[in-house]
Amino acid sequence: MRSLYVFVLLACATLLHAQGEWPRPNWEKAESVDCRDPASNASTPIQKSIGEYKVRLIPSPDSPAGVRGCRADLIAPNGKSTTLLKDAAVSIHQGTGEDIFSDGHPSLILEGFSGGAHCCYTYRIVDLSNPPLILPPIENASPFYFFKDKASGQFRIMTTDGAFDYFDGLCHACAVTPRVVLSVDRNGVHDASPRFVEQYDTEIAETRARIPPGDISKFQMSDFNDAKPVVLEIVYCYLYSGRAGDAWKTLNEMWPVGDRDRIKVLIEKTRAQGILSEIKKTRPTQTVPRK
């Protein structure tokens, strides 16, 4: 279900932080419950209490995938029900119950999985305050993992920018998807990646060490496929950590001269259409009234 992106995030999680190590995502515990019973292969409603609220996962025949799927409803203390998410599969995700917004309230994290109809994950992040704050949905082709940043004590989201899957003709298994760190507050989801320059620098050093002597010169003379994703990984690390100048300098040093303008435009276009465009849509537009 999480395929290559799990491997990418696990690899990223080994990088060191100034205050310790990145947490290692435990995908076995990422989905606490979902709306389907794998033992009986039958769909039954599931209800979970979070503070004063309840979340109900209900089998739904009208998921966006056009097949029998799931619907997630938030139930207020007064019994009022609000539908938050429909998809081929919906689960209460890791991070639920934590103070993701850093405002003293528990949060609800819902993950929808498309099953292939659209790629791939949709998240609803809810601050269970009074009234609760419901962020607009955010989509990405790779999953989210919530962790507490030891430097700030606040929760962050670790993911990769799924827009770069199959980038510039690379296969799914060999494409490089840039790591992204996000933060959440009552104004939406934000890019927090530039706060983690040290981690990106560690990744850059490790990536450069994988380039055998002579490989870049061969790549610059022809389409040397083994070096291509390595160069892109270094460029992405600079770019997503807020150092565009270093990213383009690296591109000019390592990429074939006649193709530099094209690949730079393609990188910028893909980045603009990826996860950073999604987080711009997350300004809160809905609350559930409590009476």
Protein backbone atom coordinates (compact mmCIF):
# COMPACT_ATOMS: atom_id res chain seq x y z
CA MET A 1 0.00 0.00 0.00
CA ARG A 2 2.83 2.35 0.79
CA SER A 3 5.35 0.72 -1.60
CA LEU A 4 8.45 2.75 -2.34
CA TYR A 5 7.47 5.72 -0.18
CA VAL A 6 7.74 3.65 3.00
CA PHE A 7 11.31 2.78 2.09
CA VAL A 8 12.12 6.42 1.31
CA LEU A 9 10.72 7.67 4.62
CA LEU A 10 12.45 4.93 6.57
CA ALA A 11 15.72 5.90 4.93
CA CYS A 12 15.09 9.56 5.76
CA ALA A 13 14.31 8.64 9.36
CA THR A 14 17.88 7.47 9.95
CA LEU A 15 19.26 10.98 9.56
CA LEU A 16 20.46 12.67 12.72
CA HIS A 17 18.84 15.70 14.32
CA ALA A 18 20.76 18.20 16.45
CA GLN A 19 18.70 17.00 19.43
CA GLY A 20 18.75 13.28 18.52
CA GLU A 21 17.53 11.03 15.74
CA TRP A 22 14.50 11.26 13.52
CA PRO A 23 11.76 8.90 14.65
CA ARG A 24 11.52 5.73 12.64
CA PRO A 25 7.99 5.51 11.18
CA ASN A 26 6.14 2.45 12.42
CA TRP A 27 3.67 1.81 9.62
CA GLU A 28 2.29 -1.23 11.42
CA LYS A 29 0.69 1.18 13.92
CA ALA A 30 -0.09 4.06 11.55
CA GLU A 31 -3.69 2.99 11.01
CA SER A 32 -5.35 2.43 14.37
CA VAL A 33 -8.68 1.32 12.91
CA ASP A 34 -10.34 1.30 9.51
CA CYS A 35 -13.88 0.64 8.37
CA ARG A 36 -13.32 -2.85 7.01
CA ASP A 37 -12.87 -6.08 8.91
CA PRO A 38 -10.02 -7.96 7.20
CA ALA A 39 -10.79 -11.17 9.10
CA SER A 40 -14.31 -11.59 7.77
CA ASN A 41 -13.85 -9.51 4.60
CA ALA A 42 -17.07 -7.74 5.58
CA SER A 43 -17.67 -4.08 6.22
CA THR A 44 -19.07 -3.05 9.58
CA PRO A 45 -19.32 0.39 11.22
CA ILE A 46 -16.66 1.24 13.77
CA GLN A 47 -16.87 3.98 16.37
CA LYS A 48 -14.04 5.48 18.40
CA SER A 49 -14.19 8.11 21.16
CA ILE A 50 -11.65 10.95 21.19
CA GLY A 51 -12.20 13.31 24.10
CA GLU A 52 -15.82 14.50 24.01
CA TYR A 53 -16.21 13.52 20.37
CA LYS A 54 -16.77 10.31 18.48
CA VAL A 55 -15.57 9.24 15.06
CA ARG A 56 -17.70 6.79 13.14
CA LEU A 57 -16.29 4.85 10.18
CA ILE A 58 -19.12 3.55 8.03
CA PRO A 59 -19.13 1.32 4.93
CA SER A 60 -20.15 3.52 2.02
CA PRO A 61 -21.34 2.46 -1.45
CA ASP A 62 -20.55 5.85 -3.00
CA SER A 63 -16.81 6.34 -2.46
CA PRO A 64 -14.90 8.43 -5.03
CA ALA A 65 -13.39 5.21 -6.35
CA GLY A 66 -16.82 4.11 -7.56
CA VAL A 67 -16.65 0.97 -5.43
CA ARG A 68 -17.78 0.03 -1.97
CA GLY A 69 -15.65 2.16 0.32
CA CYS A 70 -15.70 4.04 3.62
CA ARG A 71 -17.11 7.22 5.09
CA ALA A 72 -15.88 8.97 8.23
CA ASP A 73 -18.28 11.07 10.34
CA LEU A 74 -17.45 13.28 13.32
CA ILE A 75 -20.09 13.12 16.06
CA ALA A 76 -20.30 16.13 18.38
CA PRO A 77 -21.39 15.79 22.04
CA ASN A 78 -24.86 17.01 21.07
CA GLY A 79 -25.16 14.22 18.50
CA LYS A 80 -24.64 16.41 15.43
CA SER A 81 -22.90 14.45 12.66
CA THR A 82 -20.54 15.91 10.04
CA THR A 83 -19.06 13.83 7.22
CA LEU A 84 -15.32 14.44 6.97
CA LEU A 85 -14.04 12.02 4.36
CA LYS A 86 -15.10 9.39 1.82
CA ASP A 87 -12.70 7.12 -0.01
CA ALA A 88 -12.09 3.52 -1.03
CA ALA A 89 -10.54 3.03 2.43
CA VAL A 90 -10.56 5.38 5.42
CA SER A 91 -8.66 4.94 8.67
CA ILE A 92 -8.08 6.81 11.91
CA HIS A 93 -4.42 7.63 11.47
CA GLN A 94 -1.39 7.76 13.72
CA GLY A 95 -1.23 11.14 15.50
CA THR A 96 -4.89 11.06 16.54
CA GLY A 97 -5.30 12.12 20.16
CA GLU A 98 -2.10 14.18 20.14
CA ASP A 99 -1.95 17.97 20.36
CA ILE A 100 -0.97 18.42 16.71
CA PHE A 101 -2.04 22.10 16.67
CA SER A 102 -0.09 22.95 19.86
CA ASP A 103 -3.15 24.61 21.41
CA GLY A 104 -3.94 22.15 24.20
CA HIS A 105 -6.60 20.12 22.35
CA PRO A 106 -6.49 16.56 20.99
CA SER A 107 -6.53 16.13 17.23
CA LEU A 108 -8.18 13.75 14.81
CA ILE A 109 -6.20 12.54 11.80
CA LEU A 110 -8.07 10.69 9.06
CA GLU A 111 -6.34 9.01 6.14
CA GLY A 112 -8.16 8.10 2.96
CA PHE A 113 -6.63 5.72 0.43
CA SER A 114 -7.95 5.80 -3.11
CA GLY A 115 -7.20 2.26 -4.12
CA GLY A 116 -5.84 3.58 -7.40
CA ALA A 117 -8.72 5.79 -8.59
CA HIS A 118 -6.67 8.90 -7.82
CA CYS A 119 -3.26 8.81 -6.32
CA CYS A 120 -3.16 8.15 -3.52
CA TYR A 121 -3.71 9.53 0.01
CA THR A 122 -6.11 12.15 1.35
CA TYR A 123 -5.83 13.55 4.88
CA ARG A 124 -8.30 15.43 7.09
CA ILE A 125 -6.73 17.05 10.14
CA VAL A 126 -9.14 18.22 12.85
CA ASP A 127 -8.50 20.22 16.02
CA LEU A 128 -11.03 18.91 18.54
CA SER A 129 -11.47 22.26 20.25
CA ASN A 130 -14.76 24.02 21.07
CA PRO A 131 -15.92 24.25 18.34
CA PRO A 132 -13.59 21.86 16.47
CA LEU A 133 -11.56 23.23 13.58
CA ILE A 134 -11.60 21.13 10.40
CA LEU A 135 -8.83 21.76 7.88
CA PRO A 136 -9.63 21.24 4.19
CA PRO A 137 -8.44 17.91 2.75
CA ILE A 138 -4.86 17.59 1.58
CA GLU A 139 -3.72 15.01 -0.99
CA ASN A 140 -0.33 13.48 -1.68
CA ALA A 141 0.99 10.44 -3.50
CA SER A 142 2.96 9.36 -0.42
CA PRO A 143 1.79 8.91 3.19
CA PHE A 144 2.11 11.24 6.18
CA TYR A 145 3.85 10.39 9.43
CA PHE A 146 3.36 12.64 12.48
CA PHE A 147 6.26 13.09 14.90
CA LYS A 148 7.32 15.47 17.65
CA ASP A 149 10.26 17.68 16.78
CA LYS A 150 12.65 17.48 19.72
CA ALA A 151 14.07 20.94 19.00
CA SER A 152 10.72 22.76 19.22
CA GLY A 153 8.55 20.25 21.09
CA GLN A 154 5.90 20.65 18.37
CA PHE A 155 4.43 18.04 16.08
CA ARG A 156 5.57 17.86 12.47
CA ILE A 157 4.60 15.79 9.45
CA MET A 158 7.25 13.84 7.56
CA THR A 159 6.43 12.89 3.97
CA THR A 160 7.83 13.07 0.45
CA ASP A 161 6.62 15.12 -2.51
CA GLY A 162 4.79 12.49 -4.54
CA ALA A 163 4.59 14.80 -7.57
CA PHE A 164 8.13 13.71 -8.45
CA ASP A 165 7.18 10.07 -8.94
CA TYR A 166 8.15 9.06 -12.50
CA PHE A 167 9.90 12.43 -12.88
CA ASP A 168 11.51 13.00 -16.27
CA GLY A 169 11.01 9.41 -17.42
CA LEU A 170 12.45 7.74 -14.33
CA CYS A 171 10.70 4.53 -13.30
CA HIS A 172 8.66 4.35 -10.10
CA ALA A 173 11.36 2.35 -8.33
CA CYS A 174 14.23 4.66 -9.34
CA ALA A 175 12.52 8.06 -9.09
CA VAL A 176 13.64 10.33 -6.24
CA THR A 177 10.81 11.91 -4.23
CA PRO A 178 12.04 14.89 -2.17
CA ARG A 179 11.53 14.70 1.58
CA VAL A 180 9.25 17.39 3.02
CA VAL A 181 8.53 18.39 6.61
CA LEU A 182 5.23 20.13 7.37
CA SER A 183 3.76 21.85 10.41
CA VAL A 184 0.12 22.38 11.40
CA ASP A 185 -1.61 25.21 13.22
CA ARG A 186 -5.05 26.81 13.22
CA ASN A 187 -4.19 28.66 10.00
CA GLY A 188 -3.52 25.47 8.05
CA VAL A 189 -0.57 23.31 7.00
CA HIS A 190 2.80 24.95 6.35
CA ASP A 191 6.19 24.04 4.92
CA ALA A 192 8.65 23.56 7.79
CA SER A 193 11.41 21.95 5.72
CA PRO A 194 13.84 24.92 5.84
CA ARG A 195 14.05 24.45 9.62
CA PHE A 196 15.85 21.15 9.09
CA VAL A 197 18.91 22.26 7.12
CA GLU A 198 21.24 20.07 9.17
CA GLN A 199 19.34 16.93 8.21
CA TYR A 200 19.32 17.89 4.54
CA ASP A 201 23.07 18.56 4.68
CA THR A 202 23.63 15.11 6.15
CA GLU A 203 21.60 13.61 3.33
CA ILE A 204 23.55 15.63 0.75
CA ALA A 205 26.87 14.39 2.16
CA GLU A 206 25.68 10.78 2.15
CA THR A 207 24.37 11.12 -1.40
CA ARG A 208 27.57 12.68 -2.72
CA ALA A 209 29.50 9.80 -1.19
CA ARG A 210 27.54 7.38 -3.39
CA ILE A 211 28.89 8.90 -6.61
CA PRO A 212 31.81 6.79 -7.88
CA PRO A 213 34.74 8.71 -9.38
CA GLY A 214 34.07 9.53 -13.02
CA ASP A 215 30.32 8.91 -12.95
CA ILE A 216 29.33 12.57 -13.19
CA SER A 217 31.68 13.19 -16.11
CA LYS A 218 30.14 10.21 -17.93
CA PHE A 219 26.67 11.52 -17.13
CA GLN A 220 27.49 14.94 -18.52
CA MET A 221 28.62 13.39 -21.80
CA SER A 222 25.64 11.07 -22.19
CA ASP A 223 22.44 10.00 -20.39
CA PHE A 224 24.13 8.16 -17.53
CA ASN A 225 21.08 6.73 -15.77
CA ASP A 226 22.81 5.68 -12.56
CA ALA A 227 23.96 9.23 -11.81
CA LYS A 228 20.73 11.00 -12.78
CA PRO A 229 18.68 10.23 -9.61
CA VAL A 230 21.73 10.89 -7.43
CA VAL A 231 22.17 14.38 -8.84
CA LEU A 232 18.44 15.06 -8.53
CA GLU A 233 18.48 13.99 -4.89
CA ILE A 234 21.18 16.53 -4.06
CA VAL A 235 19.36 19.28 -5.97
CA TYR A 236 16.08 18.46 -4.18
CA CYS A 237 17.73 18.58 -0.75
CA TYR A 238 19.01 22.09 -1.39
CA LEU A 239 15.77 23.24 -2.98
CA TYR A 240 13.39 21.94 -0.29
CA SER A 241 15.59 23.22 2.54
CA GLY A 242 15.18 26.74 1.18
CA ARG A 243 18.51 27.07 -0.66
CA ALA A 244 17.51 27.46 -4.29
CA GLY A 245 20.80 29.12 -5.21
CA ASP A 246 22.77 26.06 -4.08
CA ALA A 247 20.31 23.79 -5.88
CA TRP A 248 20.80 25.48 -9.25
CA LYS A 249 24.56 25.75 -8.68
CA THR A 250 24.65 21.97 -8.17
CA LEU A 251 22.57 21.47 -11.30
CA ASN A 252 24.99 23.63 -13.32
CA GLU A 253 27.97 21.67 -11.99
CA MET A 254 26.57 18.18 -12.50
CA TRP A 255 23.91 18.22 -15.23
CA PRO A 256 24.72 18.02 -18.99
CA VAL A 257 25.15 21.55 -20.31
CA GLY A 258 22.65 21.34 -23.14
CA ASP A 259 19.85 20.07 -20.89
CA ARG A 260 20.16 22.34 -17.85
CA ASP A 261 17.52 24.89 -18.78
CA ARG A 262 14.94 22.21 -19.60
CA ILE A 263 15.44 20.21 -16.40
CA LYS A 264 15.39 23.33 -14.21
CA VAL A 265 12.05 24.42 -15.68
CA LEU A 266 10.66 20.89 -15.23
CA ILE A 267 11.81 20.74 -11.58
CA GLU A 268 10.23 24.12 -10.81
CA LYS A 269 6.98 23.18 -12.57
CA THR A 270 6.70 19.81 -10.79
CA ARG A 271 7.45 21.35 -7.40
CA ALA A 272 4.80 24.03 -7.95
CA GLN A 273 2.22 21.33 -8.65
CA GLY A 274 3.18 19.08 -5.74
CA ILE A 275 2.63 19.00 -1.99
CA LEU A 276 3.47 22.70 -1.58
CA SER A 277 0.50 23.59 -3.79
CA GLU A 278 -1.72 21.32 -1.68
CA ILE A 279 -0.86 22.98 1.62
CA LYS A 280 -1.93 26.35 0.21
CA LYS A 281 -5.47 24.96 0.10
CA THR A 282 -5.59 24.11 3.81
CA ARG A 283 -6.73 27.42 5.26
CA PRO A 284 -9.64 26.49 7.57
CA THR A 285 -13.09 26.93 6.06
CA GLN A 286 -15.29 24.83 8.32
CA THR A 287 -16.09 24.33 12.00
CA VAL A 288 -18.67 22.10 13.63
CA PRO A 289 -20.88 24.12 16.00
CA ARG A 290 -21.46 22.83 19.51
CA LYS A 291 -24.70 23.72 21.22
